[in-house]
Amino acid sequence: MSWRSPFANFWRRGYTNVDNTPQVTDNDYSYITQDDIVDPPANTYRNQYAGAEDTEPDTLILKHRKEKYDLHFPAYAINDGALSVGQLRQRAAEATRTPDPKRIKLLYKGKLLDNDSLPCRSEGLKQQSEVLCVVSGVEPGESSPSELSEAEADRNADSARQEGSGRKKSGKNKKRNGKNKKKGGKQADGSNTLPPPPAAAAEPPRPSNGTGMPPPAPNLKLFSNPLDQVNALSSYLQRELVPLCEEYITNTPADAKSREFEYKKLTETILAQVLLNADNINPDGVQEIRDARRALVKSAQNALNSLDQVSRS
C-alpha cells in the first residue's frame, strides 16, 4: 500500500508541461488611444441630470417707461456668453415695437450698453437682471408703447388753451404797462426817483463742458414726497445738463475722440441720473405726479435726441 498523495502526479505533470505554456503577444491586448477618448460637452451631462428649473429659459427684465417686459432667451445663453448686447438690443426693439434697433439705448446699473459685440455676461448681466430701455430719435408719426397716452394728450390740449389765454392776458398787460409808463414818466420829472433794483443773485456756477463729469443728481431721499422728487430732477436737468447739451450742440468738438467722449458722457449722465431716478419714483396713482414725471422723461428724451442728431451728422 502506497502512502503517497494522489495529487502527486497531478502537480508533477503541471511542472513537467511548462514548455507548453501559451505565448502572449501585444496582439492579445487592446489599448485605448486618444481617438477612443471622447469628451462629451458639458451640456450633455447638464441636460441629463438637470432638473426642471435648470432647463427654463434665461430671462432679462426690460423696463421701458412704466412698462416691464420679460425677455426670454435659451437656457444658459447669458452664462455661456452666447447672448450679445446686440441681440438684446434687437429683442428690446421688438418688445417696444421700435423699427430701428439703433434707437434703443440700454442702461444697466448706470452704465450705457453701447457695444453690440460684447456678451451680456461681460457687462455683468445675469438671470433676472433689470435693464432700462430708452427709445431715442422717435420720428413724427411713430410712437412706442407708453410714449403717448390719453392723459398726455389732454395735458397738451390744456397747455395749448393756457397759451392762448396767456396771449390775451399779455395783450392786456401791455396796455397796463403803457399806462404805467406814462405815470412813471410824470414821476421821473419830480425830484423823487426810485432806487435802482438790487442786483440779482448770482447763479451757481455750472460745470464746464470739459473732461470733468457733471455733478450727480440730488439725493431723492431728502425729499418728502414724489412730486418734490420729480421737481428736483427737473431742476437738475434744466440747470446742470441742458446747458451742457446746448454747449455740445453749438460747439461740437472737431476731434472725433473728444466728440465721442462728450457724447457718451452726456448721454450716460442723462440716462443714469435722470431717467433711471425718474423710473424709480412711484406716483402712487396721483395724476399730477404722473404728468410731472412724464414731462420730465420727455424733456430728457428730447435732450438725448438732440445729442444723437449731432453725433450722427
C-alpha atoms as a PDB file:
ATOM      1  CA  MET A   1       0.000   0.000   0.000  1.00  0.00           C
ATOM      2  CA  SER A   2       1.377   3.354  -1.031  1.00  0.00           C
ATOM      3  CA  TRP A   3       1.052   6.359   1.247  1.00  0.00           C
ATOM      4  CA  ARG A   4       1.812   8.886  -1.486  1.00  0.00           C
ATOM      5  CA  SER A   5      -0.679  11.645  -2.100  1.00  0.00           C
ATOM      6  CA  PRO A   6      -2.998  11.009  -5.010  1.00  0.00           C
ATOM      7  CA  PHE A   7      -2.270  14.569  -6.230  1.00  0.00           C
ATOM      8  CA  ALA A   8       1.447  13.990  -6.532  1.00  0.00           C
ATOM      9  CA  ASN A   9       1.277  13.052 -10.185  1.00  0.00           C
ATOM     10  CA  PHE A  10      -1.048  15.980 -10.870  1.00  0.00           C
ATOM     11  CA  TRP A  11       1.378  18.550  -9.547  1.00  0.00           C
ATOM     12  CA  ARG A  12       4.262  16.783 -11.194  1.00  0.00           C
ATOM     13  CA  ARG A  13       2.514  16.868 -14.561  1.00  0.00           C
ATOM     14  CA  GLY A  14       1.887  20.561 -14.155  1.00  0.00           C
ATOM     15  CA  TYR A  15       5.546  21.316 -13.728  1.00  0.00           C
ATOM     16  CA  THR A  16       6.711  18.947 -16.401  1.00  0.00           C
ATOM     17  CA  ASN A  17       4.479  20.575 -19.049  1.00  0.00           C
ATOM     18  CA  VAL A  18       5.932  24.088 -18.626  1.00  0.00           C
ATOM     19  CA  ASP A  19       7.200  24.034 -22.168  1.00  0.00           C
ATOM     20  CA  ASN A  20       3.616  24.059 -23.447  1.00  0.00           C
ATOM     21  CA  THR A  21       2.746  27.456 -21.825  1.00  0.00           C
ATOM     22  CA  PRO A  22       0.925  29.689 -24.367  1.00  0.00           C
ATOM     23  CA  GLN A  23       2.835  32.684 -25.704  1.00  0.00           C
ATOM     24  CA  VAL A  24       1.316  36.126 -25.022  1.00  0.00           C
ATOM     25  CA  THR A  25       1.935  38.930 -27.507  1.00  0.00           C
ATOM     26  CA  ASP A  26       0.860  42.573 -27.855  1.00  0.00           C
ATOM     27  CA  ASN A  27      -1.860  41.483 -30.220  1.00  0.00           C
ATOM     28  CA  ASP A  28      -3.612  39.814 -27.318  1.00  0.00           C
ATOM     29  CA  TYR A  29      -4.226  43.251 -25.729  1.00  0.00           C
ATOM     30  CA  SER A  30      -6.324  46.176 -26.858  1.00  0.00           C
ATOM     31  CA  TYR A  31      -5.301  49.696 -25.940  1.00  0.00           C
ATOM     32  CA  ILE A  32      -7.362  52.880 -25.612  1.00  0.00           C
ATOM     33  CA  THR A  33      -5.976  55.617 -27.833  1.00  0.00           C
ATOM     34  CA  GLN A  34      -6.673  59.365 -27.883  1.00  0.00           C
ATOM     35  CA  ASP A  35      -9.164  58.819 -30.675  1.00  0.00           C
ATOM     36  CA  ASP A  36     -11.163  56.488 -28.452  1.00  0.00           C
ATOM     37  CA  ILE A  37     -11.468  59.117 -25.704  1.00  0.00           C
ATOM     38  CA  VAL A  38     -14.439  61.392 -26.314  1.00  0.00           C
ATOM     39  CA  ASP A  39     -15.126  64.351 -24.042  1.00  0.00           C
ATOM     40  CA  PRO A  40     -18.853  64.925 -24.131  1.00  0.00           C
ATOM     41  CA  PRO A  41     -19.869  68.582 -23.912  1.00  0.00           C
ATOM     42  CA  ALA A  42     -20.814  69.911 -20.529  1.00  0.00           C
ATOM     43  CA  ASN A  43     -24.349  70.448 -21.742  1.00  0.00           C
ATOM     44  CA  THR A  44     -24.729  66.653 -22.211  1.00  0.00           C
ATOM     45  CA  TYR A  45     -24.290  65.946 -18.514  1.00  0.00           C
ATOM     46  CA  ARG A  46     -26.108  69.159 -17.669  1.00  0.00           C
ATOM     47  CA  ASN A  47     -29.159  68.220 -19.680  1.00  0.00           C
ATOM     48  CA  GLN A  48     -29.007  64.606 -18.483  1.00  0.00           C
ATOM     49  CA  TYR A  49     -29.075  65.394 -14.800  1.00  0.00           C
ATOM     50  CA  ALA A  50     -30.659  68.856 -14.825  1.00  0.00           C
ATOM     51  CA  GLY A  51     -33.949  69.383 -13.142  1.00  0.00           C
ATOM     52  CA  ALA A  52     -36.916  71.302 -14.426  1.00  0.00           C
ATOM     53  CA  GLU A  53     -35.589  74.615 -13.118  1.00  0.00           C
ATOM     54  CA  ASP A  54     -32.266  74.272 -14.977  1.00  0.00           C
ATOM     55  CA  THR A  55     -33.998  73.853 -18.317  1.00  0.00           C
ATOM     56  CA  GLU A  56     -36.034  77.041 -18.015  1.00  0.00           C
ATOM     57  CA  PRO A  57     -35.068  79.875 -20.390  1.00  0.00           C
ATOM     58  CA  ASP A  58     -32.891  82.766 -19.310  1.00  0.00           C
ATOM     59  CA  THR A  59     -34.921  85.876 -18.551  1.00  0.00           C
ATOM     60  CA  LEU A  60     -33.984  89.557 -18.588  1.00  0.00           C
ATOM     61  CA  ILE A  61     -36.431  92.236 -17.436  1.00  0.00           C
ATOM     62  CA  LEU A  62     -36.671  95.223 -19.769  1.00  0.00           C
ATOM     63  CA  LYS A  63     -38.007  98.427 -18.178  1.00  0.00           C
ATOM     64  CA  HIS A  64     -39.349 100.986 -20.639  1.00  0.00           C
ATOM     65  CA  ARG A  65     -41.195 103.910 -19.108  1.00  0.00           C
ATOM     66  CA  LYS A  66     -43.931 102.386 -16.949  1.00  0.00           C
ATOM     67  CA  GLU A  67     -43.907  99.053 -18.770  1.00  0.00           C
ATOM     68  CA  LYS A  68     -41.898  95.920 -17.959  1.00  0.00           C
ATOM     69  CA  TYR A  69     -41.152  93.200 -20.478  1.00  0.00           C
ATOM     70  CA  ASP A  70     -39.817  89.715 -19.740  1.00  0.00           C
ATOM     71  CA  LEU A  71     -37.338  88.852 -22.490  1.00  0.00           C
ATOM     72  CA  HIS A  72     -36.716  85.105 -22.730  1.00  0.00           C
ATOM     73  CA  PHE A  73     -33.584  83.542 -24.203  1.00  0.00           C
ATOM     74  CA  PRO A  74     -32.315  79.942 -24.497  1.00  0.00           C
ATOM     75  CA  ALA A  75     -31.196  78.337 -21.249  1.00  0.00           C
ATOM     76  CA  TYR A  76     -27.644  79.263 -20.184  1.00  0.00           C
ATOM     77  CA  ALA A  77     -27.347  81.782 -23.050  1.00  0.00           C
ATOM     78  CA  ILE A  78     -26.240  84.511 -20.627  1.00  0.00           C
ATOM     79  CA  ASN A  79     -23.867  82.435 -18.525  1.00  0.00           C
ATOM     80  CA  ASP A  80     -22.284  80.733 -21.557  1.00  0.00           C
ATOM     81  CA  GLY A  81     -21.661  84.110 -23.231  1.00  0.00           C
ATOM     82  CA  ALA A  82     -23.876  83.261 -26.196  1.00  0.00           C
ATOM     83  CA  LEU A  83     -26.156  86.293 -25.753  1.00  0.00           C
ATOM     84  CA  SER A  84     -24.657  89.543 -27.049  1.00  0.00           C
ATOM     85  CA  VAL A  85     -25.666  93.125 -26.355  1.00  0.00           C
ATOM     86  CA  GLY A  86     -26.702  93.465 -29.991  1.00  0.00           C
ATOM     87  CA  GLN A  87     -29.101  90.543 -29.677  1.00  0.00           C
ATOM     88  CA  LEU A  88     -30.536  92.058 -26.513  1.00  0.00           C
ATOM     89  CA  ARG A  89     -30.987  95.390 -28.307  1.00  0.00           C
ATOM     90  CA  GLN A  90     -32.798  93.636 -31.150  1.00  0.00           C
ATOM     91  CA  ARG A  91     -35.170  91.919 -28.733  1.00  0.00           C
ATOM     92  CA  ALA A  92     -35.767  95.223 -26.937  1.00  0.00           C
ATOM     93  CA  ALA A  93     -36.681  96.833 -30.260  1.00  0.00           C
ATOM     94  CA  GLU A  94     -39.151  94.033 -30.946  1.00  0.00           C
ATOM     95  CA  ALA A  95     -40.685  94.340 -27.477  1.00  0.00           C
ATOM     96  CA  THR A  96     -41.139  98.117 -27.749  1.00  0.00           C
ATOM     97  CA  ARG A  97     -42.135  97.898 -31.428  1.00  0.00           C
ATOM     98  CA  THR A  98     -39.325 100.202 -32.489  1.00  0.00           C
ATOM     99  CA  PRO A  99     -38.480  99.832 -36.209  1.00  0.00           C
ATOM    100  CA  ASP A 100     -34.804 100.758 -35.883  1.00  0.00           C
ATOM    101  CA  PRO A 101     -32.820  98.997 -33.113  1.00  0.00           C
ATOM    102  CA  LYS A 102     -30.269 101.832 -33.237  1.00  0.00           C
ATOM    103  CA  ARG A 103     -32.810 103.995 -31.449  1.00  0.00           C
ATOM    104  CA  ILE A 104     -32.726 101.639 -28.469  1.00  0.00           C
ATOM    105  CA  LYS A 105     -30.495 102.728 -25.606  1.00  0.00           C
ATOM    106  CA  LEU A 106     -29.857 100.182 -22.881  1.00  0.00           C
ATOM    107  CA  LEU A 107     -28.669 101.047 -19.400  1.00  0.00           C
ATOM    108  CA  TYR A 108     -27.626  98.569 -16.724  1.00  0.00           C
ATOM    109  CA  LYS A 109     -26.577  99.724 -13.264  1.00  0.00           C
ATOM    110  CA  GLY A 110     -25.772 103.203 -14.532  1.00  0.00           C
ATOM    111  CA  LYS A 111     -23.696 102.009 -17.493  1.00  0.00           C
ATOM    112  CA  LEU A 112     -24.687 102.509 -21.104  1.00  0.00           C
ATOM    113  CA  LEU A 113     -24.565  99.257 -23.090  1.00  0.00           C
ATOM    114  CA  ASP A 114     -23.289 100.580 -26.413  1.00  0.00           C
ATOM    115  CA  ASN A 115     -21.011  97.779 -27.673  1.00  0.00           C
ATOM    116  CA  ASP A 116     -23.197  95.298 -29.529  1.00  0.00           C
ATOM    117  CA  SER A 117     -20.376  92.788 -29.971  1.00  0.00           C
ATOM    118  CA  LEU A 118     -19.817  92.243 -26.242  1.00  0.00           C
ATOM    119  CA  PRO A 119     -21.517  89.328 -24.482  1.00  0.00           C
ATOM    120  CA  CYS A 120     -24.120  90.368 -21.949  1.00  0.00           C
ATOM    121  CA  ARG A 121     -22.168  88.385 -19.375  1.00  0.00           C
ATOM    122  CA  SER A 122     -19.187  90.722 -19.866  1.00  0.00           C
ATOM    123  CA  GLU A 123     -21.441  93.656 -18.972  1.00  0.00           C
ATOM    124  CA  GLY A 124     -22.425  91.987 -15.698  1.00  0.00           C
ATOM    125  CA  LEU A 125     -25.898  90.819 -16.721  1.00  0.00           C
ATOM    126  CA  LYS A 126     -27.276  87.636 -15.245  1.00  0.00           C
ATOM    127  CA  GLN A 127     -30.568  85.846 -14.775  1.00  0.00           C
ATOM    128  CA  GLN A 128     -33.447  88.246 -13.929  1.00  0.00           C
ATOM    129  CA  SER A 129     -31.302  91.373 -14.371  1.00  0.00           C
ATOM    130  CA  GLU A 130     -33.273  94.578 -14.961  1.00  0.00           C
ATOM    131  CA  VAL A 131     -32.218  96.679 -17.952  1.00  0.00           C
ATOM    132  CA  LEU A 132     -33.514 100.208 -18.508  1.00  0.00           C
ATOM    133  CA  CYS A 133     -34.566 100.954 -22.086  1.00  0.00           C
ATOM    134  CA  VAL A 134     -34.928 104.382 -23.677  1.00  0.00           C
ATOM    135  CA  VAL A 135     -36.187 104.912 -27.231  1.00  0.00           C
ATOM    136  CA  SER A 136     -34.481 107.950 -28.732  1.00  0.00           C
ATOM    137  CA  GLY A 137     -34.980 109.722 -32.012  1.00  0.00           C
ATOM    138  CA  VAL A 138     -38.651 108.856 -32.451  1.00  0.00           C
ATOM    139  CA  GLU A 139     -39.705 110.255 -35.792  1.00  0.00           C
ATOM    140  CA  PRO A 140     -43.014 112.036 -36.379  1.00  0.00           C
ATOM    141  CA  GLY A 141     -45.872 109.626 -36.784  1.00  0.00           C
ATOM    142  CA  GLU A 142     -44.125 106.872 -34.839  1.00  0.00           C
ATOM    143  CA  SER A 143     -44.507 106.009 -31.209  1.00  0.00           C
ATOM    144  CA  SER A 144     -43.509 103.165 -28.988  1.00  0.00           C
ATOM    145  CA  PRO A 145     -45.760 101.746 -26.259  1.00  0.00           C
ATOM    146  CA  SER A 146     -46.402 104.199 -23.420  1.00  0.00           C
ATOM    147  CA  GLU A 147     -44.725 107.050 -25.328  1.00  0.00           C
ATOM    148  CA  LEU A 148     -48.111 108.771 -25.649  1.00  0.00           C
ATOM    149  CA  SER A 149     -51.234 108.430 -23.594  1.00  0.00           C
ATOM    150  CA  GLU A 150     -54.633 109.990 -23.284  1.00  0.00           C
ATOM    151  CA  ALA A 151     -53.517 111.860 -20.203  1.00  0.00           C
ATOM    152  CA  GLU A 152     -50.604 113.382 -22.096  1.00  0.00           C
ATOM    153  CA  ALA A 153     -52.868 114.340 -24.991  1.00  0.00           C
ATOM    154  CA  ASP A 154     -55.230 116.058 -22.565  1.00  0.00           C
ATOM    155  CA  ARG A 155     -52.296 117.791 -20.950  1.00  0.00           C
ATOM    156  CA  ASN A 156     -51.091 119.070 -24.317  1.00  0.00           C
ATOM    157  CA  ALA A 157     -54.552 120.363 -25.115  1.00  0.00           C
ATOM    158  CA  ASP A 158     -54.740 122.120 -21.755  1.00  0.00           C
ATOM    159  CA  SER A 159     -51.337 123.699 -22.283  1.00  0.00           C
ATOM    160  CA  ALA A 160     -52.435 124.943 -25.711  1.00  0.00           C
ATOM    161  CA  ARG A 161     -55.511 126.563 -24.179  1.00  0.00           C
ATOM    162  CA  GLN A 162     -53.388 128.104 -21.456  1.00  0.00           C
ATOM    163  CA  GLU A 163     -51.044 129.549 -24.055  1.00  0.00           C
ATOM    164  CA  GLY A 164     -53.992 131.079 -25.879  1.00  0.00           C
ATOM    165  CA  SER A 165     -55.364 132.662 -22.725  1.00  0.00           C
ATOM    166  CA  GLY A 166     -51.865 133.771 -21.798  1.00  0.00           C
ATOM    167  CA  ARG A 167     -51.562 135.690 -25.063  1.00  0.00           C
ATOM    168  CA  LYS A 168     -54.804 137.541 -24.350  1.00  0.00           C
ATOM    169  CA  LYS A 169     -53.619 138.414 -20.867  1.00  0.00           C
ATOM    170  CA  SER A 170     -50.290 139.574 -22.208  1.00  0.00           C
ATOM    171  CA  GLY A 171     -52.127 141.975 -24.538  1.00  0.00           C
ATOM    172  CA  LYS A 172     -53.966 143.473 -21.563  1.00  0.00           C
ATOM    173  CA  ASN A 173     -50.732 143.680 -19.626  1.00  0.00           C
ATOM    174  CA  LYS A 174     -49.140 145.633 -22.468  1.00  0.00           C
ATOM    175  CA  LYS A 175     -51.898 148.231 -22.227  1.00  0.00           C
ATOM    176  CA  ARG A 176     -51.478 148.431 -18.470  1.00  0.00           C
ATOM    177  CA  ASN A 177     -47.737 148.711 -18.843  1.00  0.00           C
ATOM    178  CA  GLY A 178     -48.240 151.534 -21.299  1.00  0.00           C
ATOM    179  CA  LYS A 179     -50.310 153.433 -18.745  1.00  0.00           C
ATOM    180  CA  ASN A 180     -47.772 152.723 -16.054  1.00  0.00           C
ATOM    181  CA  LYS A 181     -45.008 154.062 -18.270  1.00  0.00           C
ATOM    182  CA  LYS A 182     -46.877 157.328 -18.633  1.00  0.00           C
ATOM    183  CA  LYS A 183     -47.306 157.574 -14.880  1.00  0.00           C
ATOM    184  CA  GLY A 184     -43.693 156.676 -14.390  1.00  0.00           C
ATOM    185  CA  GLY A 185     -42.675 159.432 -16.778  1.00  0.00           C
ATOM    186  CA  LYS A 186     -44.520 162.017 -14.715  1.00  0.00           C
ATOM    187  CA  GLN A 187     -42.859 160.784 -11.563  1.00  0.00           C
ATOM    188  CA  ALA A 188     -39.464 160.940 -13.212  1.00  0.00           C
ATOM    189  CA  ASP A 189     -39.935 164.660 -13.750  1.00  0.00           C
ATOM    190  CA  GLY A 190     -40.093 165.189  -9.987  1.00  0.00           C
ATOM    191  CA  SER A 191     -37.264 165.180  -7.529  1.00  0.00           C
ATOM    192  CA  ASN A 192     -38.199 161.795  -6.047  1.00  0.00           C
ATOM    193  CA  THR A 193     -36.611 158.949  -8.002  1.00  0.00           C
ATOM    194  CA  LEU A 194     -36.878 155.240  -7.359  1.00  0.00           C
ATOM    195  CA  PRO A 195     -33.734 153.499  -6.146  1.00  0.00           C
ATOM    196  CA  PRO A 196     -32.117 151.090  -8.609  1.00  0.00           C
ATOM    197  CA  PRO A 197     -33.276 147.479  -8.257  1.00  0.00           C
ATOM    198  CA  PRO A 198     -30.999 145.253  -6.218  1.00  0.00           C
ATOM    199  CA  ALA A 199     -28.536 143.132  -8.117  1.00  0.00           C
ATOM    200  CA  ALA A 200     -29.837 139.689  -8.963  1.00  0.00           C
ATOM    201  CA  ALA A 201     -28.363 136.854  -7.009  1.00  0.00           C
ATOM    202  CA  ALA A 202     -25.600 135.141  -8.885  1.00  0.00           C
ATOM    203  CA  GLU A 203     -26.480 131.712 -10.243  1.00  0.00           C
ATOM    204  CA  PRO A 204     -24.428 128.781  -9.043  1.00  0.00           C
ATOM    205  CA  PRO A 205     -21.521 128.072 -11.392  1.00  0.00           C
ATOM    206  CA  ARG A 206     -22.255 125.443 -13.964  1.00  0.00           C
ATOM    207  CA  PRO A 207     -19.753 122.777 -14.856  1.00  0.00           C
ATOM    208  CA  SER A 208     -17.781 123.480 -17.972  1.00  0.00           C
ATOM    209  CA  ASN A 209     -18.083 121.244 -20.997  1.00  0.00           C
ATOM    210  CA  GLY A 210     -14.680 119.724 -20.452  1.00  0.00           C
ATOM    211  CA  THR A 211     -13.393 116.375 -19.399  1.00  0.00           C
ATOM    212  CA  GLY A 212     -14.944 116.655 -15.920  1.00  0.00           C
ATOM    213  CA  MET A 213     -18.122 114.756 -15.182  1.00  0.00           C
ATOM    214  CA  PRO A 214     -21.318 116.704 -14.439  1.00  0.00           C
ATOM    215  CA  PRO A 215     -22.430 116.756 -10.811  1.00  0.00           C
ATOM    216  CA  PRO A 216     -24.723 113.930  -9.715  1.00  0.00           C
ATOM    217  CA  ALA A 217     -28.444 114.315  -9.299  1.00  0.00           C
ATOM    218  CA  PRO A 218     -29.786 115.389  -5.904  1.00  0.00           C
ATOM    219  CA  ASN A 219     -30.458 112.697  -3.345  1.00  0.00           C
ATOM    220  CA  LEU A 220     -34.156 111.961  -3.750  1.00  0.00           C
ATOM    221  CA  LYS A 221     -34.369 110.502  -0.256  1.00  0.00           C
ATOM    222  CA  LEU A 222     -34.083 114.028   1.119  1.00  0.00           C
ATOM    223  CA  PHE A 223     -37.461 114.977  -0.372  1.00  0.00           C
ATOM    224  CA  SER A 224     -40.655 114.175   1.465  1.00  0.00           C
ATOM    225  CA  ASN A 225     -42.980 113.353  -1.437  1.00  0.00           C
ATOM    226  CA  PRO A 226     -42.739 112.091  -5.026  1.00  0.00           C
ATOM    227  CA  LEU A 227     -43.759 115.414  -6.575  1.00  0.00           C
ATOM    228  CA  ASP A 228     -40.840 117.185  -4.913  1.00  0.00           C
ATOM    229  CA  GLN A 229     -38.568 114.427  -6.195  1.00  0.00           C
ATOM    230  CA  VAL A 230     -39.753 114.971  -9.758  1.00  0.00           C
ATOM    231  CA  ASN A 231     -39.336 118.737  -9.442  1.00  0.00           C
ATOM    232  CA  ALA A 232     -35.820 118.287  -8.080  1.00  0.00           C
ATOM    233  CA  LEU A 233     -34.846 116.117 -11.036  1.00  0.00           C
ATOM    234  CA  SER A 234     -36.412 118.592 -13.460  1.00  0.00           C
ATOM    235  CA  SER A 235     -34.428 121.450 -11.934  1.00  0.00           C
ATOM    236  CA  TYR A 236     -31.264 119.367 -12.075  1.00  0.00           C
ATOM    237  CA  LEU A 237     -31.832 118.539 -15.734  1.00  0.00           C
ATOM    238  CA  GLN A 238     -32.527 122.118 -16.772  1.00  0.00           C
ATOM    239  CA  ARG A 239     -29.843 123.716 -14.611  1.00  0.00           C
ATOM    240  CA  GLU A 240     -26.944 121.284 -14.973  1.00  0.00           C
ATOM    241  CA  LEU A 241     -27.379 119.108 -18.044  1.00  0.00           C
ATOM    242  CA  VAL A 242     -29.336 121.052 -20.649  1.00  0.00           C
ATOM    243  CA  PRO A 243     -26.709 123.862 -20.780  1.00  0.00           C
ATOM    244  CA  LEU A 244     -24.007 121.248 -21.346  1.00  0.00           C
ATOM    245  CA  CYS A 245     -26.053 119.693 -24.134  1.00  0.00           C
ATOM    246  CA  GLU A 246     -26.562 123.079 -25.760  1.00  0.00           C
ATOM    247  CA  GLU A 247     -22.850 123.785 -25.487  1.00  0.00           C
ATOM    248  CA  TYR A 248     -22.054 120.446 -27.127  1.00  0.00           C
ATOM    249  CA  ILE A 249     -24.530 121.097 -29.943  1.00  0.00           C
ATOM    250  CA  THR A 250     -23.306 124.644 -30.549  1.00  0.00           C
ATOM    251  CA  ASN A 251     -19.577 123.965 -30.195  1.00  0.00           C
ATOM    252  CA  THR A 252     -19.198 120.329 -31.174  1.00  0.00           C
ATOM    253  CA  PRO A 253     -15.583 119.184 -30.695  1.00  0.00           C
ATOM    254  CA  ALA A 254     -13.777 118.768 -34.006  1.00  0.00           C
ATOM    255  CA  ASP A 255     -11.701 115.859 -32.738  1.00  0.00           C
ATOM    256  CA  ALA A 256     -13.520 112.550 -33.187  1.00  0.00           C
ATOM    257  CA  LYS A 257     -12.376 111.101 -29.856  1.00  0.00           C
ATOM    258  CA  SER A 258     -13.335 114.222 -27.917  1.00  0.00           C
ATOM    259  CA  ARG A 259     -16.684 114.373 -29.666  1.00  0.00           C
ATOM    260  CA  GLU A 260     -17.420 110.727 -28.839  1.00  0.00           C
ATOM    261  CA  PHE A 261     -16.275 111.174 -25.239  1.00  0.00           C
ATOM    262  CA  GLU A 262     -18.511 114.192 -24.648  1.00  0.00           C
ATOM    263  CA  TYR A 263     -21.437 112.457 -26.322  1.00  0.00           C
ATOM    264  CA  LYS A 264     -21.137 109.377 -24.118  1.00  0.00           C
ATOM    265  CA  LYS A 265     -20.602 111.488 -21.021  1.00  0.00           C
ATOM    266  CA  LEU A 266     -23.782 113.491 -21.548  1.00  0.00           C
ATOM    267  CA  THR A 267     -25.988 110.606 -22.680  1.00  0.00           C
ATOM    268  CA  GLU A 268     -24.890 108.324 -19.859  1.00  0.00           C
ATOM    269  CA  THR A 269     -25.448 111.096 -17.317  1.00  0.00           C
ATOM    270  CA  ILE A 270     -28.971 111.774 -18.580  1.00  0.00           C
ATOM    271  CA  LEU A 271     -29.789 108.081 -18.584  1.00  0.00           C
ATOM    272  CA  ALA A 272     -28.303 107.271 -15.198  1.00  0.00           C
ATOM    273  CA  GLN A 273     -29.021 110.440 -13.237  1.00  0.00           C
ATOM    274  CA  VAL A 274     -32.381 111.494 -14.683  1.00  0.00           C
ATOM    275  CA  LEU A 275     -34.214 108.653 -16.407  1.00  0.00           C
ATOM    276  CA  LEU A 276     -33.145 105.931 -14.025  1.00  0.00           C
ATOM    277  CA  ASN A 277     -34.082 108.022 -10.977  1.00  0.00           C
ATOM    278  CA  ALA A 278     -37.355 109.098 -12.577  1.00  0.00           C
ATOM    279  CA  ASP A 279     -38.211 105.470 -13.239  1.00  0.00           C
ATOM    280  CA  ASN A 280     -37.840 104.737  -9.523  1.00  0.00           C
ATOM    281  CA  ILE A 281     -40.283 107.465  -8.467  1.00  0.00           C
ATOM    282  CA  ASN A 282     -43.661 105.993  -7.571  1.00  0.00           C
ATOM    283  CA  PRO A 283     -46.530 108.375  -8.425  1.00  0.00           C
ATOM    284  CA  ASP A 284     -48.866 106.483  -6.059  1.00  0.00           C
ATOM    285  CA  GLY A 285     -51.700 106.841  -8.548  1.00  0.00           C
ATOM    286  CA  VAL A 286     -51.644 110.661  -8.386  1.00  0.00           C
ATOM    287  CA  GLN A 287     -52.247 112.075 -11.856  1.00  0.00           C
ATOM    288  CA  GLU A 288     -50.338 115.288 -11.127  1.00  0.00           C
ATOM    289  CA  ILE A 289     -47.207 113.356 -10.203  1.00  0.00           C
ATOM    290  CA  ARG A 290     -47.620 111.056 -13.178  1.00  0.00           C
ATOM    291  CA  ASP A 291     -47.905 114.003 -15.565  1.00  0.00           C
ATOM    292  CA  ALA A 292     -44.915 115.747 -13.999  1.00  0.00           C
ATOM    293  CA  ARG A 293     -42.794 112.633 -14.318  1.00  0.00           C
ATOM    294  CA  ARG A 294     -43.924 112.126 -17.907  1.00  0.00           C
ATOM    295  CA  ALA A 295     -42.929 115.695 -18.758  1.00  0.00           C
ATOM    296  CA  LEU A 296     -39.535 115.148 -17.129  1.00  0.00           C
ATOM    297  CA  VAL A 297     -38.921 111.978 -19.135  1.00  0.00           C
ATOM    298  CA  LYS A 298     -39.990 113.755 -22.310  1.00  0.00           C
ATOM    299  CA  SER A 299     -37.522 116.586 -21.676  1.00  0.00           C
ATOM    300  CA  ALA A 300     -34.729 114.107 -21.054  1.00  0.00           C
ATOM    301  CA  GLN A 301     -35.574 112.235 -24.249  1.00  0.00           C
ATOM    302  CA  ASN A 302     -35.572 115.466 -26.234  1.00  0.00           C
ATOM    303  CA  ALA A 303     -32.080 116.195 -24.946  1.00  0.00           C
ATOM    304  CA  LEU A 304     -30.957 112.704 -25.962  1.00  0.00           C
ATOM    305  CA  ASN A 305     -32.485 113.125 -29.410  1.00  0.00           C
ATOM    306  CA  SER A 306     -30.619 116.392 -29.938  1.00  0.00           C
ATOM    307  CA  LEU A 307     -27.341 114.774 -28.933  1.00  0.00           C
ATOM    308  CA  ASP A 308     -27.999 111.845 -31.266  1.00  0.00           C
ATOM    309  CA  GLN A 309     -28.607 114.129 -34.230  1.00  0.00           C
ATOM    310  CA  VAL A 310     -25.303 115.918 -33.702  1.00  0.00           C
ATOM    311  CA  SER A 311     -23.412 112.675 -33.152  1.00  0.00           C
ATOM    312  CA  ARG A 312     -24.726 111.135 -36.381  1.00  0.00           C
ATOM    313  CA  SER A 313     -24.039 114.209 -38.510  1.00  0.00           C
END
